PDB file of N, CA and C in Angstrom:
ATOM      1  N   MET A   1      31.060  28.318 171.115  1.00  0.00           N
ATOM      2  CA  MET A   1      30.861  27.319 170.087  1.00  0.00           C
ATOM      3  C   MET A   1      30.885  25.943 170.751  1.00  0.00           C
ATOM      4  N   ILE A   2      29.929  25.111 170.377  1.00  0.00           N
ATOM      5  CA  ILE A   2      29.903  23.719 170.820  1.00  0.00           C
ATOM      6  C   ILE A   2      30.371  22.854 169.658  1.00  0.00           C
ATOM      7  N   ILE A   3      31.350  22.009 169.918  1.00  0.00           N
ATOM      8  CA  ILE A   3      31.794  21.027 168.930  1.00  0.00           C
ATOM      9  C   ILE A   3      31.367  19.660 169.439  1.00  0.00           C
ATOM     10  N   ASN A   4      30.480  19.020 168.691  1.00  0.00           N
ATOM     11  CA  ASN A   4      29.955  17.711 169.083  1.00  0.00           C
ATOM     12  C   ASN A   4      30.836  16.613 168.483  1.00  0.00           C
ATOM     13  N   PRO A   5      31.648  15.932 169.307  1.00  0.00           N
ATOM     14  CA  PRO A   5      32.523  14.884 168.777  1.00  0.00           C
ATOM     15  C   PRO A   5      31.839  13.530 168.633  1.00  0.00           C
ATOM     16  N   PHE A   6      30.545  13.456 168.934  1.00  0.00           N
ATOM     17  CA  PHE A   6      29.841  12.178 168.970  1.00  0.00           C
ATOM     18  C   PHE A   6      29.145  11.832 167.654  1.00  0.00           C
ATOM     19  N   GLY A   7      29.385  12.577 166.584  1.00  0.00           N
ATOM     20  CA  GLY A   7      28.751  12.277 165.296  1.00  0.00           C
ATOM     21  C   GLY A   7      27.263  12.510 165.341  1.00  0.00           C
ATOM     22  N   GLU A   8      26.485  11.470 165.080  1.00  0.00           N
ATOM     23  CA  GLU A   8      25.033  11.601 165.024  1.00  0.00           C
ATOM     24  C   GLU A   8      24.378  11.607 166.402  1.00  0.00           C
ATOM     25  N   ALA A   9      25.144  11.323 167.433  1.00  0.00           N
ATOM     26  CA  ALA A   9      24.597  11.288 168.797  1.00  0.00           C
ATOM     27  C   ALA A   9      24.909  12.605 169.515  1.00  0.00           C
ATOM     28  N   TYR A  10      24.085  12.954 170.471  1.00  0.00           N
ATOM     29  CA  TYR A  10      24.364  14.103 171.328  1.00  0.00           C
ATOM     30  C   TYR A  10      24.239  13.641 172.780  1.00  0.00           C
ATOM     31  N   PRO A  11      24.995  14.239 173.691  1.00  0.00           N
ATOM     32  CA  PRO A  11      24.936  13.803 175.081  1.00  0.00           C
ATOM     33  C   PRO A  11      23.613  14.180 175.734  1.00  0.00           C
ATOM     34  N   GLU A  12      23.087  13.270 176.525  1.00  0.00           N
ATOM     35  CA  GLU A  12      21.784  13.470 177.167  1.00  0.00           C
ATOM     36  C   GLU A  12      21.798  12.813 178.540  1.00  0.00           C
ATOM     37  N   LEU A  13      21.031  13.358 179.448  1.00  0.00           N
ATOM     38  CA  LEU A  13      20.815  12.729 180.749  1.00  0.00           C
ATOM     39  C   LEU A  13      19.509  11.965 180.669  1.00  0.00           C
ATOM     40  N   GLY A  14      19.588  10.635 180.642  1.00  0.00           N
ATOM     41  CA  GLY A  14      18.375   9.830 180.563  1.00  0.00           C
ATOM     42  C   GLY A  14      17.879   9.654 179.150  1.00  0.00           C
ATOM     43  N   SER A  15      16.558   9.662 178.987  1.00  0.00           N
ATOM     44  CA  SER A  15      15.944   9.360 177.696  1.00  0.00           C
ATOM     45  C   SER A  15      16.061  10.519 176.707  1.00  0.00           C
ATOM     46  N   ALA A  16      15.662  10.247 175.481  1.00  0.00           N
ATOM     47  CA  ALA A  16      15.791  11.207 174.380  1.00  0.00           C
ATOM     48  C   ALA A  16      14.987  12.482 174.615  1.00  0.00           C
ATOM     49  N   GLU A  17      15.453  13.562 174.032  1.00  0.00           N
ATOM     50  CA  GLU A  17      14.813  14.877 174.046  1.00  0.00           C
ATOM     51  C   GLU A  17      14.592  15.389 175.467  1.00  0.00           C
ATOM     52  N   GLY A  18      15.618  15.266 176.300  1.00  0.00           N
ATOM     53  CA  GLY A  18      15.548  15.744 177.676  1.00  0.00           C
ATOM     54  C   GLY A  18      16.327  17.033 177.876  1.00  0.00           C
ATOM     55  N   VAL A  19      16.955  17.147 179.034  1.00  0.00           N
ATOM     56  CA  VAL A  19      17.635  18.376 179.422  1.00  0.00           C
ATOM     57  C   VAL A  19      18.822  18.707 178.508  1.00  0.00           C
ATOM     58  N   GLY A  20      19.531  17.694 178.030  1.00  0.00           N
ATOM     59  CA  GLY A  20      20.657  17.944 177.129  1.00  0.00           C
ATOM     60  C   GLY A  20      20.214  18.620 175.845  1.00  0.00           C
ATOM     61  N   LEU A  21      19.179  18.069 175.224  1.00  0.00           N
ATOM     62  CA  LEU A  21      18.658  18.643 173.983  1.00  0.00           C
ATOM     63  C   LEU A  21      18.126  20.051 174.216  1.00  0.00           C
ATOM     64  N   ARG A  22      17.357  20.247 175.263  1.00  0.00           N
ATOM     65  CA  ARG A  22      16.797  21.580 175.535  1.00  0.00           C
ATOM     66  C   ARG A  22      17.901  22.612 175.780  1.00  0.00           C
ATOM     67  N   THR A  23      18.975  22.215 176.438  1.00  0.00           N
ATOM     68  CA  THR A  23      20.092  23.121 176.681  1.00  0.00           C
ATOM     69  C   THR A  23      20.779  23.506 175.374  1.00  0.00           C
ATOM     70  N   ILE A  24      21.020  22.517 174.512  1.00  0.00           N
ATOM     71  CA  ILE A  24      21.659  22.790 173.217  1.00  0.00           C
ATOM     72  C   ILE A  24      20.760  23.663 172.352  1.00  0.00           C
ATOM     73  N   LEU A  25      19.456  23.342 172.279  1.00  0.00           N
ATOM     74  CA  LEU A  25      18.531  24.137 171.470  1.00  0.00           C
ATOM     75  C   LEU A  25      18.455  25.584 171.963  1.00  0.00           C
ATOM     76  N   SER A  26      18.420  25.770 173.259  1.00  0.00           N
ATOM     77  CA  SER A  26      18.389  27.120 173.828  1.00  0.00           C
ATOM     78  C   SER A  26      19.651  27.889 173.456  1.00  0.00           C
ATOM     79  N   TYR A  27      20.795  27.215 173.517  1.00  0.00           N
ATOM     80  CA  TYR A  27      22.069  27.836 173.149  1.00  0.00           C
ATOM     81  C   TYR A  27      22.059  28.270 171.684  1.00  0.00           C
ATOM     82  N   ILE A  28      21.570  27.399 170.790  1.00  0.00           N
ATOM     83  CA  ILE A  28      21.505  27.721 169.361  1.00  0.00           C
ATOM     84  C   ILE A  28      20.526  28.873 169.119  1.00  0.00           C
ATOM     85  N   GLN A  29      19.362  28.838 169.776  1.00  0.00           N
ATOM     86  CA  GLN A  29      18.364  29.901 169.596  1.00  0.00           C
ATOM     87  C   GLN A  29      18.881  31.253 170.073  1.00  0.00           C
ATOM     88  N   ASP A  30      19.798  31.241 171.041  1.00  0.00           N
ATOM     89  CA  ASP A  30      20.390  32.486 171.536  1.00  0.00           C
ATOM     90  C   ASP A  30      21.589  32.944 170.708  1.00  0.00           C
ATOM     91  N   GLY A  31      21.840  32.264 169.575  1.00  0.00           N
ATOM     92  CA  GLY A  31      22.905  32.683 168.675  1.00  0.00           C
ATOM     93  C   GLY A  31      24.160  31.845 168.756  1.00  0.00           C
ATOM     94  N   GLY A  32      24.156  30.805 169.571  1.00  0.00           N
ATOM     95  CA  GLY A  32      25.327  29.941 169.689  1.00  0.00           C
ATOM     96  C   GLY A  32      25.538  29.111 168.440  1.00  0.00           C
ATOM     97  N   ILE A  33      26.756  28.656 168.258  1.00  0.00           N
ATOM     98  CA  ILE A  33      27.121  27.859 167.091  1.00  0.00           C
ATOM     99  C   ILE A  33      27.333  26.417 167.529  1.00  0.00           C
ATOM    100  N   PHE A  34      26.705  25.488 166.804  1.00  0.00           N
ATOM    101  CA  PHE A  34      26.820  24.056 167.083  1.00  0.00           C
ATOM    102  C   PHE A  34      27.475  23.409 165.879  1.00  0.00           C
ATOM    103  N   VAL A  35      28.645  22.797 166.081  1.00  0.00           N
ATOM    104  CA  VAL A  35      29.370  22.130 165.005  1.00  0.00           C
ATOM    105  C   VAL A  35      29.292  20.633 165.241  1.00  0.00           C
ATOM    106  N   ASN A  36      28.814  19.906 164.233  1.00  0.00           N
ATOM    107  CA  ASN A  36      28.686  18.457 164.332  1.00  0.00           C
ATOM    108  C   ASN A  36      29.861  17.807 163.616  1.00  0.00           C
ATOM    109  N   SER A  37      30.453  16.766 164.231  1.00  0.00           N
ATOM    110  CA  SER A  37      31.663  16.151 163.677  1.00  0.00           C
ATOM    111  C   SER A  37      31.394  15.229 162.492  1.00  0.00           C
ATOM    112  N   GLY A  38      30.169  14.769 162.311  1.00  0.00           N
ATOM    113  CA  GLY A  38      29.891  13.906 161.164  1.00  0.00           C
ATOM    114  C   GLY A  38      28.493  13.341 161.212  1.00  0.00           C
ATOM    115  N   GLY A  39      27.989  12.969 160.060  1.00  0.00           N
ATOM    116  CA  GLY A  39      26.652  12.395 159.992  1.00  0.00           C
ATOM    117  C   GLY A  39      25.573  13.451 160.140  1.00  0.00           C
ATOM    118  N   GLN A  40      24.355  13.000 160.344  1.00  0.00           N
ATOM    119  CA  GLN A  40      23.206  13.886 160.558  1.00  0.00           C
ATOM    120  C   GLN A  40      23.086  14.161 162.052  1.00  0.00           C
ATOM    121  N   PRO A  41      23.180  15.417 162.487  1.00  0.00           N
ATOM    122  CA  PRO A  41      23.128  15.685 163.925  1.00  0.00           C
ATOM    123  C   PRO A  41      21.776  15.328 164.544  1.00  0.00           C
ATOM    124  N   PHE A  42      21.823  14.926 165.806  1.00  0.00           N
ATOM    125  CA  PHE A  42      20.628  14.654 166.617  1.00  0.00           C
ATOM    126  C   PHE A  42      19.812  13.457 166.136  1.00  0.00           C
ATOM    127  N   VAL A  43      20.476  12.446 165.591  1.00  0.00           N
ATOM    128  CA  VAL A  43      19.782  11.212 165.220  1.00  0.00           C
ATOM    129  C   VAL A  43      19.625  10.323 166.450  1.00  0.00           C
ATOM    130  N   TYR A  44      20.656  10.293 167.287  1.00  0.00           N
ATOM    131  CA  TYR A  44      20.645   9.485 168.507  1.00  0.00           C
ATOM    132  C   TYR A  44      20.922  10.366 169.720  1.00  0.00           C
ATOM    133  N   SER A  45      20.338  10.013 170.834  1.00  0.00           N
ATOM    134  CA  SER A  45      20.767  10.602 172.093  1.00  0.00           C
ATOM    135  C   SER A  45      21.683   9.588 172.763  1.00  0.00           C
ATOM    136  N   TRP A  46      22.701  10.078 173.423  1.00  0.00           N
ATOM    137  CA  TRP A  46      23.657   9.221 174.115  1.00  0.00           C
ATOM    138  C   TRP A  46      23.530   9.486 175.601  1.00  0.00           C
ATOM    139  N   ASP A  47      23.059   8.507 176.339  1.00  0.00           N
ATOM    140  CA  ASP A  47      22.852   8.644 177.779  1.00  0.00           C
ATOM    141  C   ASP A  47      24.211   8.644 178.476  1.00  0.00           C
ATOM    142  N   VAL A  48      24.575   9.774 179.084  1.00  0.00           N
ATOM    143  CA  VAL A  48      25.886   9.904 179.708  1.00  0.00           C
ATOM    144  C   VAL A  48      26.019   9.031 180.953  1.00  0.00           C
ATOM    145  N   ASN A  49      24.911   8.601 181.532  1.00  0.00           N
ATOM    146  CA  ASN A  49      24.962   7.746 182.720  1.00  0.00           C
ATOM    147  C   ASN A  49      25.168   6.275 182.376  1.00  0.00           C
ATOM    148  N   THR A  50      24.492   5.796 181.345  1.00  0.00           N
ATOM    149  CA  THR A  50      24.547   4.373 180.997  1.00  0.00           C
ATOM    150  C   THR A  50      25.413   4.077 179.780  1.00  0.00           C
ATOM    151  N   GLY A  51      25.684   5.088 178.955  1.00  0.00           N
ATOM    152  CA  GLY A  51      26.450   4.885 177.726  1.00  0.00           C
ATOM    153  C   GLY A  51      25.634   4.286 176.595  1.00  0.00           C
ATOM    154  N   SER A  52      24.315   4.204 176.759  1.00  0.00           N
ATOM    155  CA  SER A  52      23.465   3.630 175.713  1.00  0.00           C
ATOM    156  C   SER A  52      22.986   4.716 174.750  1.00  0.00           C
ATOM    157  N   HIS A  53      22.686   4.289 173.516  1.00  0.00           N
ATOM    158  CA  HIS A  53      22.173   5.185 172.487  1.00  0.00           C
ATOM    159  C   HIS A  53      20.685   4.950 172.307  1.00  0.00           C
ATOM    160  N   ASN A  54      19.926   6.020 172.068  1.00  0.00           N
ATOM    161  CA  ASN A  54      18.494   5.923 171.776  1.00  0.00           C
ATOM    162  C   ASN A  54      18.223   6.633 170.452  1.00  0.00           C
ATOM    163  N   LEU A  55      17.531   5.964 169.529  1.00  0.00           N
ATOM    164  CA  LEU A  55      17.169   6.574 168.259  1.00  0.00           C
ATOM    165  C   LEU A  55      16.141   7.667 168.506  1.00  0.00           C
ATOM    166  N   VAL A  56      16.383   8.873 167.979  1.00  0.00           N
ATOM    167  CA  VAL A  56      15.513  10.015 168.230  1.00  0.00           C
ATOM    168  C   VAL A  56      14.578  10.297 167.055  1.00  0.00           C
ATOM    169  N   ILE A  57      15.063  10.118 165.813  1.00  0.00           N
ATOM    170  CA  ILE A  57      14.229  10.421 164.655  1.00  0.00           C
ATOM    171  C   ILE A  57      13.370   9.218 164.307  1.00  0.00           C
ATOM    172  N   ASN A  58      12.334   9.439 163.512  1.00  0.00           N
ATOM    173  CA  ASN A  58      11.394   8.383 163.148  1.00  0.00           C
ATOM    174  C   ASN A  58      12.021   7.309 162.263  1.00  0.00           C
ATOM    175  N   PHE A  59      12.958   7.701 161.421  1.00  0.00           N
ATOM    176  CA  PHE A  59      13.570   6.775 160.490  1.00  0.00           C
ATOM    177  C   PHE A  59      14.872   7.386 159.985  1.00  0.00           C
ATOM    178  N   ILE A  60      15.712   6.537 159.401  1.00  0.00           N
ATOM    179  CA  ILE A  60      16.911   7.013 158.717  1.00  0.00           C
ATOM    180  C   ILE A  60      16.719   6.663 157.254  1.00  0.00           C
ATOM    181  N   PRO A  61      16.464   7.652 156.399  1.00  0.00           N
ATOM    182  CA  PRO A  61      16.158   7.363 154.996  1.00  0.00           C
ATOM    183  C   PRO A  61      17.373   6.895 154.214  1.00  0.00           C
ATOM    184  N   MET A  62      17.125   6.135 153.157  1.00  0.00           N
ATOM    185  CA  MET A  62      18.189   5.720 152.270  1.00  0.00           C
ATOM    186  C   MET A  62      18.673   6.948 151.512  1.00  0.00           C
ATOM    187  N   SER A  63      19.968   7.181 151.514  1.00  0.00           N
ATOM    188  CA  SER A  63      20.485   8.387 150.884  1.00  0.00           C
ATOM    189  C   SER A  63      21.017   8.137 149.484  1.00  0.00           C
ATOM    190  N   SER A  64      21.308   6.896 149.131  1.00  0.00           N
ATOM    191  CA  SER A  64      21.795   6.640 147.780  1.00  0.00           C
ATOM    192  C   SER A  64      21.509   5.189 147.398  1.00  0.00           C
ATOM    193  N   TYR A  65      21.492   4.942 146.118  1.00  0.00           N
ATOM    194  CA  TYR A  65      21.330   3.579 145.627  1.00  0.00           C
ATOM    195  C   TYR A  65      22.011   3.463 144.278  1.00  0.00           C
ATOM    196  N   LEU A  66      22.347   2.242 143.898  1.00  0.00           N
ATOM    197  CA  LEU A  66      23.022   1.989 142.627  1.00  0.00           C
ATOM    198  C   LEU A  66      22.015   1.492 141.599  1.00  0.00           C
ATOM    199  N   GLU A  67      22.197   1.950 140.374  1.00  0.00           N
ATOM    200  CA  GLU A  67      21.390   1.457 139.267  1.00  0.00           C
ATOM    201  C   GLU A  67      22.332   0.876 138.224  1.00  0.00           C
ATOM    202  N   SER A  68      21.924  -0.202 137.594  1.00  0.00           N
ATOM    203  CA  SER A  68      22.737  -0.745 136.508  1.00  0.00           C
ATOM    204  C   SER A  68      21.936  -0.682 135.217  1.00  0.00           C
ATOM    205  N   ASN A  69      22.549  -0.150 134.215  1.00  0.00           N
ATOM    206  CA  ASN A  69      21.968  -0.072 132.881  1.00  0.00           C
ATOM    207  C   ASN A  69      22.987  -0.641 131.901  1.00  0.00           C
ATOM    208  N   TYR A  70      22.550  -0.869 130.684  1.00  0.00           N
ATOM    209  CA  TYR A  70      23.461  -1.400 129.686  1.00  0.00           C
ATOM    210  C   TYR A  70      23.606  -0.414 128.549  1.00  0.00           C
ATOM    211  N   ASP A  71      24.876  -0.143 128.216  1.00  0.00           N
ATOM    212  CA  ASP A  71      25.201   0.668 127.049  1.00  0.00           C
ATOM    213  C   ASP A  71      25.712  -0.323 126.009  1.00  0.00           C
ATOM    214  N   GLU A  72      24.819  -0.675 125.076  1.00  0.00           N
ATOM    215  CA  GLU A  72      25.038  -1.788 124.158  1.00  0.00           C
ATOM    216  C   GLU A  72      25.160  -3.057 124.998  1.00  0.00           C
ATOM    217  N   THR A  73      26.308  -3.663 125.103  1.00  0.00           N
ATOM    218  CA  THR A  73      26.446  -4.885 125.900  1.00  0.00           C
ATOM    219  C   THR A  73      27.287  -4.666 127.158  1.00  0.00           C
ATOM    220  N   ILE A  74      27.698  -3.435 127.396  1.00  0.00           N
ATOM    221  CA  ILE A  74      28.558  -3.136 128.545  1.00  0.00           C
ATOM    222  C   ILE A  74      27.694  -2.627 129.701  1.00  0.00           C
ATOM    223  N   PRO A  75      27.759  -3.293 130.864  1.00  0.00           N
ATOM    224  CA  PRO A  75      26.981  -2.796 132.010  1.00  0.00           C
ATOM    225  C   PRO A  75      27.570  -1.481 132.535  1.00  0.00           C
ATOM    226  N   VAL A  76      26.694  -0.550 132.843  1.00  0.00           N
ATOM    227  CA  VAL A  76      27.104   0.749 133.361  1.00  0.00           C
ATOM    228  C   VAL A  76      26.404   0.962 134.699  1.00  0.00           C
ATOM    229  N   LEU A  77      27.184   1.149 135.737  1.00  0.00           N
ATOM    230  CA  LEU A  77      26.631   1.412 137.056  1.00  0.00           C
ATOM    231  C   LEU A  77      26.574   2.916 137.289  1.00  0.00           C
ATOM    232  N   SER A  78      25.467   3.374 137.807  1.00  0.00           N
ATOM    233  CA  SER A  78      25.361   4.794 138.164  1.00  0.00           C
ATOM    234  C   SER A  78      24.844   4.882 139.586  1.00  0.00           C
ATOM    235  N   ARG A  79      25.321   5.858 140.299  1.00  0.00           N
ATOM    236  CA  ARG A  79      24.913   6.057 141.690  1.00  0.00           C
ATOM    237  C   ARG A  79      23.962   7.239 141.749  1.00  0.00           C
ATOM    238  N   ASN A  80      22.790   6.991 142.278  1.00  0.00           N
ATOM    239  CA  ASN A  80      21.784   8.033 142.392  1.00  0.00           C
ATOM    240  C   ASN A  80      21.700   8.440 143.855  1.00  0.00           C
ATOM    241  N   GLU A  81      21.946   9.703 144.122  1.00  0.00           N
ATOM    242  CA  GLU A  81      21.884  10.179 145.504  1.00  0.00           C
ATOM    243  C   GLU A  81      20.749  11.184 145.644  1.00  0.00           C
ATOM    244  N   SER A  82      19.873  10.906 146.570  1.00  0.00           N
ATOM    245  CA  SER A  82      18.821  11.854 146.894  1.00  0.00           C
ATOM    246  C   SER A  82      18.480  11.660 148.361  1.00  0.00           C
ATOM    247  N   LEU A  83      18.509  12.723 149.094  1.00  0.00           N
ATOM    248  CA  LEU A  83      18.235  12.648 150.519  1.00  0.00           C
ATOM    249  C   LEU A  83      17.127  13.627 150.844  1.00  0.00           C
ATOM    250  N   VAL A  84      15.917  13.124 150.856  1.00  0.00           N
ATOM    251  CA  VAL A  84      14.769  13.950 151.183  1.00  0.00           C
ATOM    252  C   VAL A  84      14.277  13.504 152.556  1.00  0.00           C
ATOM    253  N   ILE A  85      14.425  14.372 153.542  1.00  0.00           N
ATOM    254  CA  ILE A  85      14.023  14.046 154.902  1.00  0.00           C
ATOM    255  C   ILE A  85      12.881  14.978 155.292  1.00  0.00           C
ATOM    256  N   PRO A  86      11.745  14.428 155.667  1.00  0.00           N
ATOM    257  CA  PRO A  86      10.651  15.296 156.104  1.00  0.00           C
ATOM    258  C   PRO A  86      11.067  16.118 157.319  1.00  0.00           C
ATOM    259  N   GLN A  87      10.608  17.356 157.384  1.00  0.00           N
ATOM    260  CA  GLN A  87      11.002  18.250 158.469  1.00  0.00           C
ATOM    261  C   GLN A  87      10.664  17.694 159.837  1.00  0.00           C
ATOM    262  N   GLU A  88       9.541  17.007 159.955  1.00  0.00           N
ATOM    263  CA  GLU A  88       9.137  16.507 161.266  1.00  0.00           C
ATOM    264  C   GLU A  88      10.035  15.367 161.761  1.00  0.00           C
ATOM    265  N   ALA A  89      10.871  14.810 160.875  1.00  0.00           N
ATOM    266  CA  ALA A  89      11.736  13.702 161.265  1.00  0.00           C
ATOM    267  C   ALA A  89      12.975  14.173 162.024  1.00  0.00           C
ATOM    268  N   LEU A  90      13.381  15.408 161.834  1.00  0.00           N
ATOM    269  CA  LEU A  90      14.604  15.904 162.459  1.00  0.00           C
ATOM    270  C   LEU A  90      14.286  16.842 163.610  1.00  0.00           C
ATOM    271  N   ILE A  91      14.991  16.675 164.702  1.00  0.00           N
ATOM    272  CA  ILE A  91      14.712  17.446 165.906  1.00  0.00           C
ATOM    273  C   ILE A  91      14.853  18.945 165.679  1.00  0.00           C
ATOM    274  N   LEU A  92      15.954  19.382 165.065  1.00  0.00           N
ATOM    275  CA  LEU A  92      16.156  20.823 164.879  1.00  0.00           C
ATOM    276  C   LEU A  92      15.064  21.430 164.005  1.00  0.00           C
ATOM    277  N   LYS A  93      14.578  20.697 163.024  1.00  0.00           N
ATOM    278  CA  LYS A  93      13.497  21.204 162.167  1.00  0.00           C
ATOM    279  C   LYS A  93      12.195  21.300 162.957  1.00  0.00           C
ATOM    280  N   ARG A  94      11.946  20.317 163.869  1.00  0.00           N
ATOM    281  CA  ARG A  94      10.712  20.345 164.645  1.00  0.00           C
ATOM    282  C   ARG A  94      10.675  21.545 165.572  1.00  0.00           C
ATOM    283  N   TYR A  95      11.819  21.889 166.167  1.00  0.00           N
ATOM    284  CA  TYR A  95      11.866  23.006 167.101  1.00  0.00           C
ATOM    285  C   TYR A  95      12.135  24.319 166.396  1.00  0.00           C
TER     286      TYR A  95
END
């Protein structure tokens, strides 16, 4: 089992979608378990040599927004949550 403590980032050597990603994907395809500590996995690659982050997906969609309506004269706030991410935007879905 791999436990990723980096949240949305995964460790990588150099630029995004390199040897680190291929190693993790191969492990998962062979039946390995990948546990992500938080957020959406594989959004950023984290270069283990430089410590810099690189955005891997095309975009980070808005997952929620607030709406205000009025019930008679009293404002009512409601939170609408919808997270629709196209498959091609996420690395695991692409592979």
